[in-house]
């Protein structure tokens, strides 16, 4: 039992720290995931959507600190109860998402490791078992440091987490796990390899044959049956290959210009997923850097999910010398965790990506 508790202690502690750190690296992305959970049709808690970012920061910092507390044996009773309550909540959330197919990615490990809803639920059940083992053998969990040193470790851990969160909120994630990271080519990210696995579906055909219903399952072909066709149900039994980037469009008046724009040798994308939530004061500096880019031969475009009236008003008020295109809001949120943010591309390859606080770091060759 002693060795089982020690093993469980290490597994739970390390997983909580890793999971918490990955989300702490991108608290804005985790807040978007929380907004999905709070939205109508999921948990129906729209009141919390305005506080999603604050909640995300608190949750991920607590997650990291609980992992540290467990590993060093600090305040064991409080730590174990906190871990149990947190994993029960997460297990309920992942089961709800999986069973009702509400949120297809729990965001447990951010964009670093994608888990299906049932994989997320299974992971939480395993963690729940480990935490219950820790409860049973809690008398084996001993502090590895003196009490005063443990307090110093906890204060330092909290301070590091807070400073790290503050940095990534005011700049960009230190590690970018998304398909739009610097160096990635958007066109290549949308390409499906020739030998990529294709989706496989089961088709359950229902017929009335001699007055009785008969179901015949095929994987696409219409069955040869001497009977009256009733209906067909389709079930995906094997997922096909999905390219890392599969929802990227740049539209104007209903026409997609993505392919054409991604061939530009010098392209600046000013991204603002929702102008009602944008930091408006940043657009005065956006005006300066985009004017400089245009002088240096760059094509500059704006990308937003806001309507034409809002983009026109923004362009007029800030005297912006570029036009806006429409792109899906979720895609824009994925591209850059800044509203606004700027990308510099060369024939579809992302060369630079900056938060609006770092516009002075842009280099135009």
Protein backbone atom coordinates (compact mmCIF):
# COMPACT_ATOMS: atom_id res chain seq x y z
CA UNK A 1 0.00 0.00 0.00
CA UNK A 2 2.84 2.35 0.82
CA UNK A 3 4.34 1.97 -2.65
CA UNK A 4 0.92 2.27 -4.31
CA UNK A 5 0.29 5.53 -2.46
CA UNK A 6 3.73 6.86 -3.42
CA UNK A 7 3.12 5.98 -7.07
CA UNK A 8 -0.35 7.58 -7.01
CA UNK A 9 1.06 10.67 -5.31
CA UNK A 10 3.64 11.17 -8.04
CA UNK A 11 1.22 10.48 -10.91
CA UNK A 12 -1.51 12.81 -9.59
CA UNK A 13 0.90 15.55 -8.56
CA UNK A 14 2.82 15.58 -11.84
CA UNK A 15 -0.34 15.40 -13.99
CA UNK A 16 -1.96 18.29 -12.13
CA UNK A 17 1.19 20.41 -12.54
CA UNK A 18 1.55 19.57 -16.25
CA UNK A 19 -2.15 20.08 -16.99
CA UNK A 20 -2.20 23.32 -15.01
CA UNK A 21 0.97 24.67 -16.62
CA UNK A 22 -0.22 23.97 -20.17
CA UNK A 23 -3.42 25.91 -19.47
CA UNK A 24 -1.49 28.61 -17.54
CA UNK A 25 0.60 29.06 -20.68
CA UNK A 26 -2.62 30.00 -22.51
CA UNK A 27 -5.28 31.17 -20.01
CA UNK A 28 -7.13 33.08 -22.74
CA UNK A 29 -7.56 29.86 -24.71
CA UNK A 30 -8.83 28.06 -21.60
CA UNK A 31 -11.28 30.92 -20.97
CA UNK A 32 -12.70 30.39 -24.48
CA UNK A 33 -13.25 26.74 -23.56
CA UNK A 34 -15.01 27.77 -20.33
CA UNK A 35 -17.24 30.10 -22.34
CA UNK A 36 -18.31 27.05 -24.36
CA UNK A 37 -19.25 25.22 -21.17
CA UNK A 38 -21.13 28.23 -19.75
CA UNK A 39 -23.03 28.93 -22.98
CA UNK A 40 -26.71 28.28 -23.69
CA UNK A 41 -27.36 24.70 -24.62
CA UNK A 42 -24.44 23.35 -22.60
CA UNK A 43 -24.51 24.27 -18.88
CA UNK A 44 -26.77 27.28 -19.48
CA UNK A 45 -24.74 29.55 -17.19
CA UNK A 46 -24.32 32.67 -19.36
CA UNK A 47 -23.81 34.83 -16.25
CA UNK A 48 -20.34 33.32 -15.81
CA UNK A 49 -19.22 33.99 -19.40
CA UNK A 50 -18.09 37.52 -18.55
CA UNK A 51 -15.87 36.10 -15.82
CA UNK A 52 -14.45 33.20 -17.84
CA UNK A 53 -10.93 34.64 -17.99
CA UNK A 54 -10.74 35.30 -14.24
CA UNK A 55 -12.11 31.84 -13.50
CA UNK A 56 -9.64 30.24 -15.91
CA UNK A 57 -6.66 31.94 -14.24
CA UNK A 58 -7.81 30.94 -10.74
CA UNK A 59 -8.51 27.33 -11.76
CA UNK A 60 -5.17 26.74 -13.49
CA UNK A 61 -3.13 28.33 -10.71
CA UNK A 62 -4.98 26.25 -8.11
CA UNK A 63 -4.37 23.15 -10.26
CA UNK A 64 -0.61 23.77 -10.32
CA UNK A 65 -0.44 24.60 -6.61
CA UNK A 66 -2.37 21.46 -5.61
CA UNK A 67 0.08 19.37 -7.62
CA UNK A 68 3.02 21.00 -5.82
CA UNK A 69 1.31 20.62 -2.42
CA UNK A 70 0.74 16.92 -2.99
CA UNK A 71 4.32 16.26 -4.07
CA UNK A 72 5.89 18.02 -1.08
CA UNK A 73 3.25 16.80 1.40
CA UNK A 74 2.01 20.24 2.41
CA UNK A 75 -1.32 20.36 4.34
CA UNK A 76 -2.25 16.84 3.28
CA UNK A 77 -5.88 16.84 4.45
CA UNK A 78 -6.71 20.12 2.70
CA UNK A 79 -4.82 19.03 -0.43
CA UNK A 80 -6.58 15.67 -0.73
CA UNK A 81 -10.06 17.12 -0.24
CA UNK A 82 -9.34 19.87 -2.76
CA UNK A 83 -8.05 17.33 -5.30
CA UNK A 84 -11.09 15.11 -4.74
CA UNK A 85 -13.61 17.93 -5.17
CA UNK A 86 -11.82 19.22 -8.27
CA UNK A 87 -11.60 15.81 -9.95
CA UNK A 88 -15.26 15.04 -9.14
CA UNK A 89 -16.25 18.31 -10.81
CA UNK A 90 -14.02 17.65 -13.84
CA UNK A 91 -15.32 14.06 -14.11
CA UNK A 92 -18.91 15.30 -14.13
CA UNK A 93 -18.04 17.93 -16.73
CA UNK A 94 -16.27 15.51 -19.07
CA UNK A 95 -19.03 12.89 -18.72
CA UNK A 96 -21.67 15.53 -19.47
CA UNK A 97 -19.72 16.67 -22.54
CA UNK A 98 -19.17 13.12 -23.78
CA UNK A 99 -22.65 11.73 -23.11
CA UNK A 100 -24.55 14.71 -24.53
CA UNK A 101 -21.85 15.57 -27.12
CA UNK A 102 -21.83 19.20 -26.02
CA UNK A 103 -18.14 20.21 -26.04
CA UNK A 104 -15.96 18.07 -28.30
CA UNK A 105 -12.66 19.03 -26.62
CA UNK A 106 -12.48 19.51 -22.85
CA UNK A 107 -9.31 21.62 -23.03
CA UNK A 108 -7.74 19.53 -20.23
CA UNK A 109 -4.30 19.89 -21.81
CA UNK A 110 -5.04 22.98 -23.89
CA UNK A 111 -3.94 22.69 -27.52
CA UNK A 112 -0.94 20.52 -26.60
CA UNK A 113 -2.82 17.23 -26.35
CA UNK A 114 -6.25 16.85 -27.92
CA UNK A 115 -8.55 14.36 -26.22
CA UNK A 116 -11.98 13.22 -27.31
CA UNK A 117 -14.77 13.69 -24.72
CA UNK A 118 -14.74 10.00 -23.77
CA UNK A 119 -10.92 9.98 -23.55
CA UNK A 120 -11.14 12.99 -21.22
CA UNK A 121 -13.74 11.24 -19.08
CA UNK A 122 -11.63 8.06 -18.91
CA UNK A 123 -8.59 10.10 -17.87
CA UNK A 124 -10.57 11.75 -15.07
CA UNK A 125 -11.93 8.40 -13.84
CA UNK A 126 -8.37 7.04 -13.62
CA UNK A 127 -7.26 10.15 -11.71
CA UNK A 128 -10.25 9.76 -9.40
CA UNK A 129 -9.14 6.19 -8.60
CA UNK A 130 -5.60 7.39 -7.82
CA UNK A 131 -6.93 10.15 -5.55
CA UNK A 132 -9.16 7.66 -3.70
CA UNK A 133 -6.07 5.50 -3.15
CA UNK A 134 -4.38 8.56 -1.66
CA UNK A 135 -7.34 9.00 0.71
CA UNK A 136 -7.17 5.39 1.86
CA UNK A 137 -3.42 5.58 2.45
CA UNK A 138 -3.16 9.21 3.51
CA UNK A 139 -1.12 8.27 6.60
CA UNK A 140 1.69 7.30 4.19
CA UNK A 141 1.84 10.83 2.74
CA UNK A 142 4.60 12.51 4.70
CA UNK A 143 6.12 15.99 4.15
CA UNK A 144 9.47 15.87 2.38
CA UNK A 145 10.54 19.32 3.64
CA UNK A 146 10.35 21.25 6.88
CA UNK A 147 7.16 23.27 7.40
CA UNK A 148 8.89 26.64 6.93
CA UNK A 149 10.58 25.55 3.72
CA UNK A 150 7.26 24.17 2.46
CA UNK A 151 5.65 27.56 3.02
CA UNK A 152 8.46 29.23 1.11
CA UNK A 153 7.99 26.75 -1.77
CA UNK A 154 4.26 27.49 -1.87
CA UNK A 155 4.73 31.27 -1.83
CA UNK A 156 7.34 31.06 -4.58
CA UNK A 157 5.10 28.75 -6.62
CA UNK A 158 2.16 31.14 -6.31
CA UNK A 159 4.35 34.11 -7.23
CA UNK A 160 5.81 32.33 -10.28
CA UNK A 161 2.33 31.31 -11.46
CA UNK A 162 0.98 34.85 -11.03
CA UNK A 163 3.90 36.44 -12.87
CA UNK A 164 3.72 33.88 -15.66
CA UNK A 165 -0.03 34.44 -16.08
CA UNK A 166 0.50 38.19 -16.16
CA UNK A 167 3.17 37.84 -18.85
CA UNK A 168 1.17 35.62 -21.22
CA UNK A 169 -1.93 37.78 -20.79
CA UNK A 170 -0.04 40.90 -21.81
CA UNK A 171 1.93 39.26 -24.58
CA UNK A 172 1.33 35.82 -26.15
CA UNK A 173 1.71 32.23 -24.91
CA UNK A 174 5.37 31.36 -24.37
CA UNK A 175 4.86 28.00 -26.11
CA UNK A 176 2.47 28.00 -29.05
CA UNK A 177 0.82 24.60 -29.55
CA UNK A 178 -1.60 25.77 -32.24
CA UNK A 179 -1.29 25.16 -36.00
CA UNK A 180 -0.79 28.92 -36.52
CA UNK A 181 2.53 29.14 -34.68
CA UNK A 182 5.46 31.08 -36.09
CA UNK A 183 7.09 29.09 -38.88
CA UNK A 184 3.89 27.24 -39.83
CA UNK A 185 2.57 27.44 -43.38
CA UNK A 186 -1.20 27.89 -43.46
CA UNK A 187 -1.60 26.41 -46.94
CA UNK A 188 0.34 23.29 -45.95
CA UNK A 189 -1.74 23.06 -42.79
CA UNK A 190 -4.91 22.82 -44.88
CA UNK A 191 -3.54 20.10 -47.18
CA UNK A 192 -4.79 16.52 -46.94
CA UNK A 193 -2.07 13.94 -47.82
CA UNK A 194 -2.91 11.55 -50.67
CA UNK A 195 -2.64 8.46 -48.46
CA UNK A 196 -4.54 10.00 -45.53
CA UNK A 197 -7.16 7.71 -43.94
CA UNK A 198 -10.70 8.47 -45.03
CA UNK A 199 -13.77 8.47 -42.84
CA UNK A 200 -15.72 5.22 -42.78
CA UNK A 201 -19.48 5.20 -42.20
CA UNK A 202 -21.97 2.44 -41.52
CA UNK A 203 -25.29 2.91 -43.30
CA UNK A 204 -28.21 1.15 -41.65
CA UNK A 205 -30.85 0.81 -44.37
CA UNK A 206 -34.42 0.05 -43.27
CA UNK A 207 -36.80 -1.70 -45.64
CA UNK A 208 -40.24 -3.21 -45.37
CA UNK A 209 -40.02 -6.72 -46.80
CA UNK A 210 -43.13 -8.90 -46.88
CA UNK A 211 -44.77 -6.69 -44.28
CA UNK A 212 -41.81 -6.82 -41.85
CA UNK A 213 -39.02 -4.32 -41.24
CA UNK A 214 -35.54 -5.43 -42.22
CA UNK A 215 -32.27 -3.57 -41.52
CA UNK A 216 -29.25 -4.07 -43.75
CA UNK A 217 -25.91 -2.44 -42.88
CA UNK A 218 -23.43 -1.45 -45.58
CA UNK A 219 -20.58 1.01 -45.82
CA UNK A 220 -22.06 3.08 -48.60
CA UNK A 221 -23.51 0.82 -51.26
CA UNK A 222 -27.26 0.75 -51.69
CA UNK A 223 -28.34 -2.83 -50.88
CA UNK A 224 -30.21 -5.00 -53.36
CA UNK A 225 -33.46 -5.66 -51.54
CA UNK A 226 -36.90 -6.53 -52.89
CA UNK A 227 -38.80 -4.30 -50.52
CA UNK A 228 -40.01 -0.81 -49.74
CA UNK A 229 -37.30 1.62 -48.61
CA UNK A 230 -38.14 3.36 -45.29
CA UNK A 231 -35.06 5.33 -44.22
CA UNK A 232 -31.32 5.12 -43.52
CA UNK A 233 -29.20 5.98 -40.46
CA UNK A 234 -25.53 6.89 -40.78
CA UNK A 235 -22.91 6.21 -38.11
CA UNK A 236 -19.24 7.19 -38.33
CA UNK A 237 -17.18 4.16 -37.32
CA UNK A 238 -13.76 5.55 -38.21
CA UNK A 239 -12.75 9.18 -38.34
CA UNK A 240 -10.93 10.34 -41.42
CA UNK A 241 -7.84 12.52 -41.48
CA UNK A 242 -8.56 16.11 -40.53
CA UNK A 243 -5.86 18.64 -41.44
CA UNK A 244 -4.61 20.87 -38.60
CA UNK A 245 -6.20 23.86 -40.34
CA UNK A 246 -9.63 23.10 -41.78
CA UNK A 247 -11.71 26.23 -41.23
CA UNK A 248 -9.57 29.07 -42.62
CA UNK A 249 -11.36 31.46 -44.98
CA UNK A 250 -10.86 35.13 -45.79
CA UNK A 251 -14.12 36.41 -47.26
CA UNK A 252 -15.48 39.58 -48.79
CA UNK A 253 -18.98 39.77 -50.24
CA UNK A 254 -19.32 36.01 -49.91
CA UNK A 255 -16.13 35.26 -51.90
CA UNK A 256 -13.17 33.47 -50.31
CA UNK A 257 -9.81 35.13 -51.10
CA UNK A 258 -7.71 32.88 -48.81
CA UNK A 259 -5.84 31.02 -51.59
CA UNK A 260 -4.99 34.25 -53.40
CA UNK A 261 -3.87 36.12 -50.26
CA UNK A 262 -1.72 33.23 -49.05
CA UNK A 263 0.36 33.59 -52.22
CA UNK A 264 1.34 37.16 -51.29
CA UNK A 265 5.10 37.49 -50.69
CA UNK A 266 4.51 40.27 -48.15
CA UNK A 267 1.27 40.12 -46.20
CA UNK A 268 0.16 41.68 -42.91
CA UNK A 269 -2.96 40.37 -41.17
CA UNK A 270 -4.53 42.61 -38.54
CA UNK A 271 -6.75 40.27 -36.53
CA UNK A 272 -9.58 41.41 -34.27
CA UNK A 273 -12.07 38.60 -33.73
CA UNK A 274 -14.72 40.84 -32.15
CA UNK A 275 -14.46 44.62 -32.37
CA UNK A 276 -16.88 45.10 -29.47
CA UNK A 277 -14.27 43.37 -27.26
CA UNK A 278 -11.17 44.86 -28.88
CA UNK A 279 -8.74 47.17 -27.11
CA UNK A 280 -9.57 50.25 -29.17
CA UNK A 281 -6.64 52.37 -28.01
CA UNK A 282 -4.30 49.86 -29.66
CA UNK A 283 -5.57 50.76 -33.15
CA UNK A 284 -3.72 54.09 -33.12
CA UNK A 285 -0.46 52.14 -33.01
CA UNK A 286 -1.87 49.60 -35.49
CA UNK A 287 -2.37 52.57 -37.82
CA UNK A 288 1.31 53.54 -37.48
CA UNK A 289 2.78 50.09 -38.04
CA UNK A 290 0.48 49.22 -40.94
CA UNK A 291 1.23 52.53 -42.69
CA UNK A 292 4.93 51.72 -42.32
CA UNK A 293 4.32 48.21 -43.67
CA UNK A 294 2.49 49.57 -46.71
CA UNK A 295 5.43 51.91 -47.40
CA UNK A 296 7.68 48.84 -47.32
CA UNK A 297 5.61 47.06 -49.96
CA UNK A 298 3.37 44.93 -47.77
CA UNK A 299 -0.26 44.17 -48.51
CA UNK A 300 -2.27 44.78 -45.34
CA UNK A 301 -5.69 43.31 -44.57
CA UNK A 302 -7.94 43.26 -41.53
CA UNK A 303 -9.69 40.06 -40.41
CA UNK A 304 -12.71 40.10 -38.13
CA UNK A 305 -15.98 38.33 -37.44
CA UNK A 306 -17.66 41.68 -36.78
CA UNK A 307 -20.16 43.11 -39.23
CA UNK A 308 -19.37 45.58 -42.02
CA UNK A 309 -20.80 48.54 -40.12
CA UNK A 310 -18.41 47.96 -37.21
CA UNK A 311 -15.34 47.45 -39.40
CA UNK A 312 -16.17 50.53 -41.51
CA UNK A 313 -16.63 52.63 -38.38
CA UNK A 314 -13.29 51.45 -36.98
CA UNK A 315 -11.53 52.12 -40.29
CA UNK A 316 -12.96 55.64 -40.50
CA UNK A 317 -12.24 56.63 -36.89
CA UNK A 318 -8.64 55.44 -37.01
CA UNK A 319 -8.00 56.34 -40.68
CA UNK A 320 -6.83 52.80 -41.39
CA UNK A 321 -5.44 52.28 -44.88
CA UNK A 322 -6.64 48.71 -45.36
CA UNK A 323 -9.87 46.79 -45.81
CA UNK A 324 -11.41 44.18 -43.53
CA UNK A 325 -12.33 40.64 -44.51
CA UNK A 326 -14.66 38.27 -42.70
CA UNK A 327 -13.28 35.17 -40.97
CA UNK A 328 -14.94 32.83 -38.50
CA UNK A 329 -14.60 34.04 -34.90
CA UNK A 330 -13.34 30.71 -33.54
CA UNK A 331 -10.64 30.60 -36.20
CA UNK A 332 -9.47 34.11 -35.36
CA UNK A 333 -9.38 33.27 -31.64
CA UNK A 334 -7.21 30.26 -32.50
CA UNK A 335 -4.81 32.20 -34.72
CA UNK A 336 -3.71 34.76 -32.11
CA UNK A 337 -4.60 35.29 -28.44
CA UNK A 338 -4.77 39.05 -28.82
CA UNK A 339 -7.57 41.38 -29.87
CA UNK A 340 -6.15 43.01 -31.94
CA UNK A 341 -3.06 41.08 -32.95
CA UNK A 342 -0.82 41.16 -36.01
CA UNK A 343 0.68 38.44 -38.21
CA UNK A 344 3.39 38.87 -40.84
CA UNK A 345 3.29 36.23 -43.60
CA UNK A 346 5.40 35.29 -46.58
CA UNK A 347 3.50 33.15 -49.09
CA UNK A 348 1.39 31.63 -46.34
CA UNK A 349 4.22 31.08 -43.86
CA UNK A 350 3.87 32.94 -40.55
CA UNK A 351 7.06 34.88 -39.97
CA UNK A 352 6.00 37.08 -37.06
CA UNK A 353 3.05 37.14 -34.66
CA UNK A 354 2.62 39.76 -31.95
CA UNK A 355 0.25 40.94 -29.26
CA UNK A 356 -0.92 44.55 -29.51
CA UNK A 357 1.43 45.35 -26.61
CA UNK A 358 4.40 44.26 -28.73
CA UNK A 359 3.71 46.04 -32.02
CA UNK A 360 7.06 47.84 -31.71
CA UNK A 361 8.80 44.46 -32.13
CA UNK A 362 7.56 44.05 -35.72
CA UNK A 363 10.30 44.12 -38.36
CA UNK A 364 9.47 44.98 -42.00
CA UNK A 365 12.13 44.03 -44.51
